[in-house]
Amino acid sequence: MSKPHVLVIGSANIDLVTRVPRCPKPGESIIGLSFSTVCGGKGANQAVAAARLGAETYFAGCVGDDAFGALQRETLGREGIDLSRLKTHPVESTGTAVILVAEEGQNSIVVTPSANYGITPADIQDMTPLIARMDAITIQLEIPLETVEAALRKARELGVLTILDAGPAQKVPQSIVEVAGIVSPNETEAEAMTKVRVESIEDAREAAFRLMHQGAREVVLKLGKMGALYMSANEWFHVPAYEVKPVDTVAAGDAFTAALGIAWQAGSPLEAIRFANAAGALATLKEGAQPSMPAREEVDRFIYERGR
């Protein structure tokens, strides 16, 4: 497979991570087990994942003129990511995410976008020559929705594959769903978009069907330990997850999305989703967001050892 060109348009946050025995109930205070500061943000995570998976990677977003912004630039730069489209906001601080990670591996996250809202539709227009050269674009919902829609429309105009990672969970305008190449929410995000509580494969199939009814062309639902489900106008199928014992599920979906973008045009949807499932599974075996993104050789070895 030739080296793909991937543009990630999205958020760059600093994750403030506290490990806890369990997530607290409303009004409850508990004692944390540890605290760490880690580079994250769905966009930056996907850029790191794409670079480690072998893509020539470009990242477009906005950070603050502060220590957290400098840390993101340094960290992303070490991965060889092109940052020529990463803006610095003159006023707003770098985005943050406060993350509670429970001992069983589940997490709760509160994101404060701040400087991430500094990337605009005008920036997308300026990126037209860059977008035209890409094999795939991944984009998320931690930046202004008008920017998301502008990017998806520009890519469709230029015939470039887009993957909409529909997080964080919210009701997504139909105009965005209709223009995305692949719509890819997780269970919680799918529920916010379709009002279907996804607790089984049949639930996932119904949610995907409703997304198709909203105008989606192709849907890839990320289902955690249940794997993933694909649906288009012609077919649907379920791809089981790889069995692992997760340490930290933060950013596993970002590893999945980046892997999906890299593998999509190199083979069938089934092969691409198996590759993405493997990347997502490996990301759960290490703590942190960007530190957990796997390298290409790790994913290839994992798939070979698992036999599929």
C-alpha atoms as a PDB file:
ATOM      1  CA  MET A   1       0.000   0.000   0.000  1.00  0.00           C
ATOM      2  CA  SER A   2       1.465   3.386  -1.036  1.00  0.00           C
ATOM      3  CA  LYS A   3       1.872   6.050   1.606  1.00  0.00           C
ATOM      4  CA  PRO A   4      -1.502   7.819   1.930  1.00  0.00           C
ATOM      5  CA  HIS A   5      -1.934  11.546   2.430  1.00  0.00           C
ATOM      6  CA  VAL A   6      -4.280  12.353   5.314  1.00  0.00           C
ATOM      7  CA  LEU A   7      -5.542  15.715   6.542  1.00  0.00           C
ATOM      8  CA  VAL A   8      -7.036  15.882  10.019  1.00  0.00           C
ATOM      9  CA  ILE A   9      -9.173  18.953  10.715  1.00  0.00           C
ATOM     10  CA  GLY A  10     -10.112  19.272  14.361  1.00  0.00           C
ATOM     11  CA  SER A  11      -9.318  19.883  17.979  1.00  0.00           C
ATOM     12  CA  ALA A  12      -6.085  19.980  19.953  1.00  0.00           C
ATOM     13  CA  ASN A  13      -6.595  19.782  23.722  1.00  0.00           C
ATOM     14  CA  ILE A  14      -4.552  19.140  26.799  1.00  0.00           C
ATOM     15  CA  ASP A  15      -6.047  16.252  28.750  1.00  0.00           C
ATOM     16  CA  LEU A  16      -6.096  16.571  32.546  1.00  0.00           C
ATOM     17  CA  VAL A  17      -6.451  12.929  33.510  1.00  0.00           C
ATOM     18  CA  THR A  18      -7.389  11.608  36.946  1.00  0.00           C
ATOM     19  CA  ARG A  19      -7.560   7.873  37.563  1.00  0.00           C
ATOM     20  CA  VAL A  20     -10.340   6.959  39.986  1.00  0.00           C
ATOM     21  CA  PRO A  21     -11.720   3.758  41.544  1.00  0.00           C
ATOM     22  CA  ARG A  22     -15.030   4.590  39.853  1.00  0.00           C
ATOM     23  CA  CYS A  23     -16.707   7.647  38.368  1.00  0.00           C
ATOM     24  CA  PRO A  24     -18.447   9.675  41.127  1.00  0.00           C
ATOM     25  CA  LYS A  25     -22.191  10.109  41.388  1.00  0.00           C
ATOM     26  CA  PRO A  26     -23.675  13.647  41.143  1.00  0.00           C
ATOM     27  CA  GLY A  27     -22.703  15.650  44.248  1.00  0.00           C
ATOM     28  CA  GLU A  28     -20.202  13.010  45.414  1.00  0.00           C
ATOM     29  CA  SER A  29     -16.494  13.589  46.099  1.00  0.00           C
ATOM     30  CA  ILE A  30     -14.031  10.715  45.897  1.00  0.00           C
ATOM     31  CA  ILE A  31     -10.260  10.373  46.226  1.00  0.00           C
ATOM     32  CA  GLY A  32      -8.347  10.062  42.948  1.00  0.00           C
ATOM     33  CA  LEU A  33      -5.581   7.521  42.465  1.00  0.00           C
ATOM     34  CA  SER A  34      -3.289   9.562  40.188  1.00  0.00           C
ATOM     35  CA  PHE A  35      -3.153  12.653  37.965  1.00  0.00           C
ATOM     36  CA  SER A  36      -1.378  13.374  34.672  1.00  0.00           C
ATOM     37  CA  THR A  37      -1.284  16.018  31.945  1.00  0.00           C
ATOM     38  CA  VAL A  38      -1.360  14.510  28.433  1.00  0.00           C
ATOM     39  CA  CYS A  39      -1.688  15.930  24.926  1.00  0.00           C
ATOM     40  CA  GLY A  40      -5.082  15.047  23.452  1.00  0.00           C
ATOM     41  CA  GLY A  41      -8.057  16.395  21.539  1.00  0.00           C
ATOM     42  CA  LYS A  42      -9.830  14.208  19.009  1.00  0.00           C
ATOM     43  CA  GLY A  43      -8.209  15.939  16.066  1.00  0.00           C
ATOM     44  CA  ALA A  44      -4.664  15.874  17.413  1.00  0.00           C
ATOM     45  CA  ASN A  45      -5.103  12.262  18.536  1.00  0.00           C
ATOM     46  CA  GLN A  46      -6.177  11.231  15.050  1.00  0.00           C
ATOM     47  CA  ALA A  47      -3.249  13.096  13.512  1.00  0.00           C
ATOM     48  CA  VAL A  48      -0.791  11.249  15.765  1.00  0.00           C
ATOM     49  CA  ALA A  49      -2.492   7.941  14.991  1.00  0.00           C
ATOM     50  CA  ALA A  50      -2.403   8.588  11.230  1.00  0.00           C
ATOM     51  CA  ALA A  51       1.293   9.510  11.346  1.00  0.00           C
ATOM     52  CA  ARG A  52       2.200   6.409  13.360  1.00  0.00           C
ATOM     53  CA  LEU A  53       0.170   4.255  10.977  1.00  0.00           C
ATOM     54  CA  GLY A  54       2.317   5.428   8.093  1.00  0.00           C
ATOM     55  CA  ALA A  55       0.430   8.325   6.516  1.00  0.00           C
ATOM     56  CA  GLU A  56       1.886  11.629   5.420  1.00  0.00           C
ATOM     57  CA  THR A  57      -0.188  13.623   7.867  1.00  0.00           C
ATOM     58  CA  TYR A  58      -1.353  17.236   7.967  1.00  0.00           C
ATOM     59  CA  PHE A  59      -3.169  18.799  10.902  1.00  0.00           C
ATOM     60  CA  ALA A  60      -5.423  21.871  10.757  1.00  0.00           C
ATOM     61  CA  GLY A  61      -6.731  23.402  13.976  1.00  0.00           C
ATOM     62  CA  CYS A  62      -6.140  26.178  16.508  1.00  0.00           C
ATOM     63  CA  VAL A  63      -4.350  26.339  19.852  1.00  0.00           C
ATOM     64  CA  GLY A  64      -3.768  29.154  22.326  1.00  0.00           C
ATOM     65  CA  ASP A  65      -0.679  31.308  22.711  1.00  0.00           C
ATOM     66  CA  ASP A  66       0.207  29.541  25.948  1.00  0.00           C
ATOM     67  CA  ALA A  67       2.264  26.723  27.439  1.00  0.00           C
ATOM     68  CA  PHE A  68      -0.357  24.100  26.523  1.00  0.00           C
ATOM     69  CA  GLY A  69      -0.339  25.278  22.902  1.00  0.00           C
ATOM     70  CA  ALA A  70       3.462  25.120  22.769  1.00  0.00           C
ATOM     71  CA  LEU A  71       3.325  21.605  24.234  1.00  0.00           C
ATOM     72  CA  GLN A  72       0.918  20.475  21.517  1.00  0.00           C
ATOM     73  CA  ARG A  73       3.093  21.916  18.763  1.00  0.00           C
ATOM     74  CA  GLU A  74       6.181  20.225  20.159  1.00  0.00           C
ATOM     75  CA  THR A  75       4.446  16.878  20.606  1.00  0.00           C
ATOM     76  CA  LEU A  76       2.800  16.844  17.172  1.00  0.00           C
ATOM     77  CA  GLY A  77       5.982  18.049  15.517  1.00  0.00           C
ATOM     78  CA  ARG A  78       7.941  15.113  16.946  1.00  0.00           C
ATOM     79  CA  GLU A  79       5.577  12.786  15.060  1.00  0.00           C
ATOM     80  CA  GLY A  80       6.509  14.413  11.747  1.00  0.00           C
ATOM     81  CA  ILE A  81       3.063  15.976  11.272  1.00  0.00           C
ATOM     82  CA  ASP A  82       2.801  19.022   9.012  1.00  0.00           C
ATOM     83  CA  LEU A  83       1.583  21.883  11.248  1.00  0.00           C
ATOM     84  CA  SER A  84       1.533  24.675   8.687  1.00  0.00           C
ATOM     85  CA  ARG A  85      -2.282  24.864   9.098  1.00  0.00           C
ATOM     86  CA  LEU A  86      -2.267  24.872  12.899  1.00  0.00           C
ATOM     87  CA  LYS A  87      -3.263  28.399  13.960  1.00  0.00           C
ATOM     88  CA  THR A  88      -2.529  30.226  17.211  1.00  0.00           C
ATOM     89  CA  HIS A  89      -5.483  32.089  18.756  1.00  0.00           C
ATOM     90  CA  PRO A  90      -4.567  35.590  19.969  1.00  0.00           C
ATOM     91  CA  VAL A  91      -6.922  35.549  22.971  1.00  0.00           C
ATOM     92  CA  GLU A  92      -8.368  32.140  23.803  1.00  0.00           C
ATOM     93  CA  SER A  93      -6.453  29.482  25.727  1.00  0.00           C
ATOM     94  CA  THR A  94      -5.698  26.027  24.361  1.00  0.00           C
ATOM     95  CA  GLY A  95      -8.625  23.641  24.707  1.00  0.00           C
ATOM     96  CA  THR A  96      -8.738  21.272  27.663  1.00  0.00           C
ATOM     97  CA  ALA A  97     -10.416  17.995  28.530  1.00  0.00           C
ATOM     98  CA  VAL A  98     -10.963  16.904  32.133  1.00  0.00           C
ATOM     99  CA  ILE A  99     -10.978  13.099  32.086  1.00  0.00           C
ATOM    100  CA  LEU A 100     -11.886  10.630  34.808  1.00  0.00           C
ATOM    101  CA  VAL A 101     -10.637   7.102  34.105  1.00  0.00           C
ATOM    102  CA  ALA A 102     -12.174   4.381  36.269  1.00  0.00           C
ATOM    103  CA  GLU A 103     -10.256   1.241  37.240  1.00  0.00           C
ATOM    104  CA  GLU A 104     -12.316  -0.944  34.893  1.00  0.00           C
ATOM    105  CA  GLY A 105     -11.133   1.228  31.968  1.00  0.00           C
ATOM    106  CA  GLN A 106     -14.262   3.298  31.280  1.00  0.00           C
ATOM    107  CA  ASN A 107     -14.023   7.083  31.230  1.00  0.00           C
ATOM    108  CA  SER A 108     -15.990  10.320  31.623  1.00  0.00           C
ATOM    109  CA  ILE A 109     -14.834  13.454  29.794  1.00  0.00           C
ATOM    110  CA  VAL A 110     -15.657  17.187  29.929  1.00  0.00           C
ATOM    111  CA  VAL A 111     -14.225  19.162  26.997  1.00  0.00           C
ATOM    112  CA  THR A 112     -13.742  22.966  27.013  1.00  0.00           C
ATOM    113  CA  PRO A 113     -12.992  23.879  23.369  1.00  0.00           C
ATOM    114  CA  SER A 114     -11.669  27.475  23.825  1.00  0.00           C
ATOM    115  CA  ALA A 115      -9.127  28.086  21.012  1.00  0.00           C
ATOM    116  CA  ASN A 116     -10.454  25.149  19.008  1.00  0.00           C
ATOM    117  CA  TYR A 117     -13.296  27.402  17.868  1.00  0.00           C
ATOM    118  CA  GLY A 118     -10.730  29.596  16.115  1.00  0.00           C
ATOM    119  CA  ILE A 119     -10.688  27.541  12.909  1.00  0.00           C
ATOM    120  CA  THR A 120     -13.238  28.975  10.479  1.00  0.00           C
ATOM    121  CA  PRO A 121     -14.850  28.315   7.080  1.00  0.00           C
ATOM    122  CA  ALA A 122     -12.482  30.924   5.640  1.00  0.00           C
ATOM    123  CA  ASP A 123      -9.556  28.755   6.723  1.00  0.00           C
ATOM    124  CA  ILE A 124     -11.117  25.816   4.873  1.00  0.00           C
ATOM    125  CA  GLN A 125     -11.380  27.862   1.692  1.00  0.00           C
ATOM    126  CA  ASP A 126      -7.696  28.769   2.014  1.00  0.00           C
ATOM    127  CA  MET A 127      -6.894  25.037   2.267  1.00  0.00           C
ATOM    128  CA  THR A 128      -8.464  24.148  -1.093  1.00  0.00           C
ATOM    129  CA  PRO A 129      -5.149  23.207  -2.807  1.00  0.00           C
ATOM    130  CA  LEU A 130      -4.141  21.072   0.193  1.00  0.00           C
ATOM    131  CA  ILE A 131      -7.522  19.323   0.414  1.00  0.00           C
ATOM    132  CA  ALA A 132      -7.353  18.473  -3.284  1.00  0.00           C
ATOM    133  CA  ARG A 133      -4.113  16.511  -2.729  1.00  0.00           C
ATOM    134  CA  MET A 134      -5.459  14.348   0.107  1.00  0.00           C
ATOM    135  CA  ASP A 135      -6.495  10.684   0.023  1.00  0.00           C
ATOM    136  CA  ALA A 136      -8.655  11.101   3.119  1.00  0.00           C
ATOM    137  CA  ILE A 137      -9.814  13.758   5.571  1.00  0.00           C
ATOM    138  CA  THR A 138     -10.999  13.062   9.103  1.00  0.00           C
ATOM    139  CA  ILE A 139     -12.980  15.646  11.032  1.00  0.00           C
ATOM    140  CA  GLN A 140     -14.773  15.767  14.380  1.00  0.00           C
ATOM    141  CA  LEU A 141     -17.281  17.971  16.219  1.00  0.00           C
ATOM    142  CA  GLU A 142     -14.989  19.760  18.696  1.00  0.00           C
ATOM    143  CA  ILE A 143     -14.679  22.697  16.278  1.00  0.00           C
ATOM    144  CA  PRO A 144     -17.462  24.997  14.939  1.00  0.00           C
ATOM    145  CA  LEU A 145     -20.134  23.083  13.036  1.00  0.00           C
ATOM    146  CA  GLU A 146     -20.061  25.618  10.215  1.00  0.00           C
ATOM    147  CA  THR A 147     -16.364  24.796   9.761  1.00  0.00           C
ATOM    148  CA  VAL A 148     -17.129  21.071   9.788  1.00  0.00           C
ATOM    149  CA  GLU A 149     -19.749  21.520   7.084  1.00  0.00           C
ATOM    150  CA  ALA A 150     -17.499  23.776   5.002  1.00  0.00           C
ATOM    151  CA  ALA A 151     -14.707  21.181   5.094  1.00  0.00           C
ATOM    152  CA  LEU A 152     -17.019  18.308   4.173  1.00  0.00           C
ATOM    153  CA  ARG A 153     -18.535  20.279   1.294  1.00  0.00           C
ATOM    154  CA  LYS A 154     -15.151  21.348  -0.047  1.00  0.00           C
ATOM    155  CA  ALA A 155     -13.845  17.775   0.069  1.00  0.00           C
ATOM    156  CA  ARG A 156     -16.953  16.441  -1.686  1.00  0.00           C
ATOM    157  CA  GLU A 157     -16.574  19.120  -4.346  1.00  0.00           C
ATOM    158  CA  LEU A 158     -12.990  17.930  -4.895  1.00  0.00           C
ATOM    159  CA  GLY A 159     -13.820  14.206  -4.756  1.00  0.00           C
ATOM    160  CA  VAL A 160     -11.874  13.523  -1.550  1.00  0.00           C
ATOM    161  CA  LEU A 161     -12.957  10.899   0.998  1.00  0.00           C
ATOM    162  CA  THR A 162     -14.138  12.298   4.343  1.00  0.00           C
ATOM    163  CA  ILE A 163     -14.819  10.544   7.627  1.00  0.00           C
ATOM    164  CA  LEU A 164     -16.997  12.384  10.129  1.00  0.00           C
ATOM    165  CA  ASP A 165     -16.162  11.222  13.646  1.00  0.00           C
ATOM    166  CA  ALA A 166     -19.425  12.375  15.256  1.00  0.00           C
ATOM    167  CA  GLY A 167     -18.040  13.183  18.694  1.00  0.00           C
ATOM    168  CA  PRO A 168     -18.692  14.602  21.150  1.00  0.00           C
ATOM    169  CA  ALA A 169     -22.302  13.384  21.298  1.00  0.00           C
ATOM    170  CA  GLN A 170     -24.840  15.887  19.981  1.00  0.00           C
ATOM    171  CA  LYS A 171     -27.665  16.260  17.502  1.00  0.00           C
ATOM    172  CA  VAL A 172     -25.861  16.727  14.193  1.00  0.00           C
ATOM    173  CA  PRO A 173     -27.549  18.876  11.513  1.00  0.00           C
ATOM    174  CA  GLN A 174     -28.804  16.862   8.558  1.00  0.00           C
ATOM    175  CA  SER A 175     -26.880  19.162   6.221  1.00  0.00           C
ATOM    176  CA  ILE A 176     -23.655  17.798   7.743  1.00  0.00           C
ATOM    177  CA  VAL A 177     -24.773  14.155   7.693  1.00  0.00           C
ATOM    178  CA  GLU A 178     -25.744  14.440   4.028  1.00  0.00           C
ATOM    179  CA  VAL A 179     -22.411  15.801   2.845  1.00  0.00           C
ATOM    180  CA  ALA A 180     -20.072  13.499   4.822  1.00  0.00           C
ATOM    181  CA  GLY A 181     -18.449  10.595   3.024  1.00  0.00           C
ATOM    182  CA  ILE A 182     -18.594   8.203   5.990  1.00  0.00           C
ATOM    183  CA  VAL A 183     -20.528   8.999   9.180  1.00  0.00           C
ATOM    184  CA  SER A 184     -18.875   7.276  12.140  1.00  0.00           C
ATOM    185  CA  PRO A 185     -20.373   7.770  15.635  1.00  0.00           C
ATOM    186  CA  ASN A 186     -19.888   5.572  18.677  1.00  0.00           C
ATOM    187  CA  GLU A 187     -22.851   4.170  20.625  1.00  0.00           C
ATOM    188  CA  THR A 188     -23.485   7.343  22.659  1.00  0.00           C
ATOM    189  CA  GLU A 189     -23.085   9.612  19.647  1.00  0.00           C
ATOM    190  CA  ALA A 190     -25.371   7.400  17.560  1.00  0.00           C
ATOM    191  CA  GLU A 191     -28.053   7.681  20.261  1.00  0.00           C
ATOM    192  CA  ALA A 192     -27.775  11.488  20.236  1.00  0.00           C
ATOM    193  CA  MET A 193     -28.163  11.503  16.460  1.00  0.00           C
ATOM    194  CA  THR A 194     -30.950   8.914  16.113  1.00  0.00           C
ATOM    195  CA  LYS A 195     -32.609   8.508  19.543  1.00  0.00           C
ATOM    196  CA  VAL A 196     -31.795   4.766  19.396  1.00  0.00           C
ATOM    197  CA  ARG A 197     -30.165   3.421  22.549  1.00  0.00           C
ATOM    198  CA  VAL A 198     -27.424   1.166  21.197  1.00  0.00           C
ATOM    199  CA  GLU A 199     -27.030  -1.895  23.411  1.00  0.00           C
ATOM    200  CA  SER A 200     -26.969  -4.672  20.800  1.00  0.00           C
ATOM    201  CA  ILE A 201     -26.089  -5.318  17.176  1.00  0.00           C
ATOM    202  CA  GLU A 202     -29.756  -5.002  16.241  1.00  0.00           C
ATOM    203  CA  ASP A 203     -29.891  -1.613  17.977  1.00  0.00           C
ATOM    204  CA  ALA A 204     -26.794  -0.576  16.041  1.00  0.00           C
ATOM    205  CA  ARG A 205     -28.384  -1.702  12.782  1.00  0.00           C
ATOM    206  CA  GLU A 206     -31.481   0.394  13.528  1.00  0.00           C
ATOM    207  CA  ALA A 207     -29.354   3.440  14.394  1.00  0.00           C
ATOM    208  CA  ALA A 208     -27.369   3.039  11.177  1.00  0.00           C
ATOM    209  CA  PHE A 209     -30.599   2.715   9.199  1.00  0.00           C
ATOM    210  CA  ARG A 210     -31.863   5.979  10.700  1.00  0.00           C
ATOM    211  CA  LEU A 211     -28.613   7.714   9.806  1.00  0.00           C
ATOM    212  CA  MET A 212     -29.033   6.494   6.242  1.00  0.00           C
ATOM    213  CA  HIS A 213     -32.557   7.927   6.322  1.00  0.00           C
ATOM    214  CA  GLN A 214     -31.037  11.275   7.405  1.00  0.00           C
ATOM    215  CA  GLY A 215     -28.962  11.257   4.239  1.00  0.00           C
ATOM    216  CA  ALA A 216     -25.759   9.427   5.192  1.00  0.00           C
ATOM    217  CA  ARG A 217     -24.080   7.670   2.267  1.00  0.00           C
ATOM    218  CA  GLU A 218     -22.080   5.184   4.352  1.00  0.00           C
ATOM    219  CA  VAL A 219     -22.094   4.540   8.104  1.00  0.00           C
ATOM    220  CA  VAL A 220     -19.478   2.908  10.314  1.00  0.00           C
ATOM    221  CA  LEU A 221     -20.680   2.606  13.916  1.00  0.00           C
ATOM    222  CA  LYS A 222     -17.975   2.206  16.554  1.00  0.00           C
ATOM    223  CA  LEU A 223     -19.377  -0.236  19.129  1.00  0.00           C
ATOM    224  CA  GLY A 224     -16.523  -0.690  21.617  1.00  0.00           C
ATOM    225  CA  LYS A 225     -16.348  -4.291  22.832  1.00  0.00           C
ATOM    226  CA  MET A 226     -19.051  -5.240  20.287  1.00  0.00           C
ATOM    227  CA  GLY A 227     -16.798  -4.203  17.391  1.00  0.00           C
ATOM    228  CA  ALA A 228     -18.176  -2.139  14.508  1.00  0.00           C
ATOM    229  CA  LEU A 229     -21.114  -2.125  12.100  1.00  0.00           C
ATOM    230  CA  TYR A 230     -21.097  -1.008   8.474  1.00  0.00           C
ATOM    231  CA  MET A 231     -24.082   0.088   6.408  1.00  0.00           C
ATOM    232  CA  SER A 232     -24.514   1.505   2.919  1.00  0.00           C
ATOM    233  CA  ALA A 233     -27.433   1.608   0.511  1.00  0.00           C
ATOM    234  CA  ASN A 234     -26.509  -1.890  -0.691  1.00  0.00           C
ATOM    235  CA  GLU A 235     -25.379  -3.859   2.362  1.00  0.00           C
ATOM    236  CA  TRP A 236     -24.705  -3.997   6.050  1.00  0.00           C
ATOM    237  CA  PHE A 237     -22.458  -6.206   8.159  1.00  0.00           C
ATOM    238  CA  HIS A 238     -21.038  -6.500  11.659  1.00  0.00           C
ATOM    239  CA  VAL A 239     -17.312  -6.869  12.375  1.00  0.00           C
ATOM    240  CA  PRO A 240     -16.564  -8.357  15.833  1.00  0.00           C
ATOM    241  CA  ALA A 241     -14.050  -6.681  18.115  1.00  0.00           C
ATOM    242  CA  TYR A 242     -10.700  -8.172  19.012  1.00  0.00           C
ATOM    243  CA  GLU A 243     -10.754  -9.411  22.588  1.00  0.00           C
ATOM    244  CA  VAL A 244      -8.382  -7.493  24.859  1.00  0.00           C
ATOM    245  CA  LYS A 245      -8.239  -6.456  28.501  1.00  0.00           C
ATOM    246  CA  PRO A 246      -8.454  -2.646  28.327  1.00  0.00           C
ATOM    247  CA  VAL A 247      -6.340  -0.432  30.548  1.00  0.00           C
ATOM    248  CA  ASP A 248      -7.716   2.907  29.297  1.00  0.00           C
ATOM    249  CA  THR A 249     -10.312   3.420  26.546  1.00  0.00           C
ATOM    250  CA  VAL A 250      -9.521   7.134  26.058  1.00  0.00           C
ATOM    251  CA  ALA A 251      -8.878   7.851  22.344  1.00  0.00           C
ATOM    252  CA  ALA A 252      -9.475   4.277  21.169  1.00  0.00           C
ATOM    253  CA  GLY A 253     -12.121   5.684  18.822  1.00  0.00           C
ATOM    254  CA  ASP A 254      -9.575   8.153  17.454  1.00  0.00           C
ATOM    255  CA  ALA A 255      -7.160   5.339  16.630  1.00  0.00           C
ATOM    256  CA  PHE A 256     -10.057   3.555  14.907  1.00  0.00           C
ATOM    257  CA  THR A 257     -10.992   6.613  12.830  1.00  0.00           C
ATOM    258  CA  ALA A 258      -7.427   7.308  11.693  1.00  0.00           C
ATOM    259  CA  ALA A 259      -6.911   3.671  10.742  1.00  0.00           C
ATOM    260  CA  LEU A 260     -10.211   3.646   8.849  1.00  0.00           C
ATOM    261  CA  GLY A 261      -9.135   6.660   6.788  1.00  0.00           C
ATOM    262  CA  ILE A 262      -5.790   5.090   5.927  1.00  0.00           C
ATOM    263  CA  ALA A 263      -7.153   1.663   4.975  1.00  0.00           C
ATOM    264  CA  TRP A 264     -10.462   2.583   3.318  1.00  0.00           C
ATOM    265  CA  GLN A 265      -9.262   3.006  -0.253  1.00  0.00           C
ATOM    266  CA  ALA A 266      -6.655   0.246  -0.065  1.00  0.00           C
ATOM    267  CA  GLY A 267      -9.156  -2.604   0.166  1.00  0.00           C
ATOM    268  CA  SER A 268     -12.741  -3.505   0.984  1.00  0.00           C
ATOM    269  CA  PRO A 269     -14.811  -1.883   3.755  1.00  0.00           C
ATOM    270  CA  LEU A 270     -14.554  -5.173   5.675  1.00  0.00           C
ATOM    271  CA  GLU A 271     -10.752  -5.170   5.543  1.00  0.00           C
ATOM    272  CA  ALA A 272     -10.594  -1.486   6.479  1.00  0.00           C
ATOM    273  CA  ILE A 273     -12.851  -1.989   9.498  1.00  0.00           C
ATOM    274  CA  ARG A 274     -10.858  -5.018  10.684  1.00  0.00           C
ATOM    275  CA  PHE A 275      -7.711  -2.878  10.477  1.00  0.00           C
ATOM    276  CA  ALA A 276      -9.464  -0.077  12.383  1.00  0.00           C
ATOM    277  CA  ASN A 277     -10.735  -2.523  15.022  1.00  0.00           C
ATOM    278  CA  ALA A 278      -7.169  -3.689  15.599  1.00  0.00           C
ATOM    279  CA  ALA A 279      -5.850  -0.124  15.969  1.00  0.00           C
ATOM    280  CA  GLY A 280      -8.647   0.723  18.393  1.00  0.00           C
ATOM    281  CA  ALA A 281      -8.039  -2.413  20.448  1.00  0.00           C
ATOM    282  CA  LEU A 282      -4.314  -1.705  20.752  1.00  0.00           C
ATOM    283  CA  ALA A 283      -5.035   1.870  21.886  1.00  0.00           C
ATOM    284  CA  THR A 284      -6.886   0.519  24.932  1.00  0.00           C
ATOM    285  CA  LEU A 285      -3.780  -1.294  26.177  1.00  0.00           C
ATOM    286  CA  LYS A 286      -1.848   1.883  27.105  1.00  0.00           C
ATOM    287  CA  GLU A 287      -2.750   4.861  29.278  1.00  0.00           C
ATOM    288  CA  GLY A 288      -3.309   8.325  27.818  1.00  0.00           C
ATOM    289  CA  ALA A 289      -4.611   9.643  24.512  1.00  0.00           C
ATOM    290  CA  GLN A 290      -1.748  10.334  22.107  1.00  0.00           C
ATOM    291  CA  PRO A 291       0.698   8.040  23.953  1.00  0.00           C
ATOM    292  CA  SER A 292      -1.622   5.089  23.288  1.00  0.00           C
ATOM    293  CA  MET A 293      -1.815   5.504  19.504  1.00  0.00           C
ATOM    294  CA  PRO A 294      -0.270   2.368  17.932  1.00  0.00           C
ATOM    295  CA  ALA A 295       2.368   2.175  15.211  1.00  0.00           C
ATOM    296  CA  ARG A 296       1.682   0.460  11.878  1.00  0.00           C
ATOM    297  CA  GLU A 297       3.945  -2.487  12.647  1.00  0.00           C
ATOM    298  CA  GLU A 298       2.093  -3.073  15.931  1.00  0.00           C
ATOM    299  CA  VAL A 299      -1.250  -3.221  14.148  1.00  0.00           C
ATOM    300  CA  ASP A 300       0.019  -5.503  11.376  1.00  0.00           C
ATOM    301  CA  ARG A 301       1.590  -7.866  13.916  1.00  0.00           C
ATOM    302  CA  PHE A 302      -1.547  -7.865  16.049  1.00  0.00           C
ATOM    303  CA  ILE A 303      -3.745  -8.788  13.077  1.00  0.00           C
ATOM    304  CA  TYR A 304      -1.312 -11.503  11.956  1.00  0.00           C
ATOM    305  CA  GLU A 305      -1.158 -13.028  15.441  1.00  0.00           C
ATOM    306  CA  ARG A 306      -4.954 -12.962  15.785  1.00  0.00           C
ATOM    307  CA  GLY A 307      -5.392 -14.579  12.393  1.00  0.00           C
ATOM    308  CA  ARG A 308      -7.784 -12.012  10.901  1.00  0.00           C
END
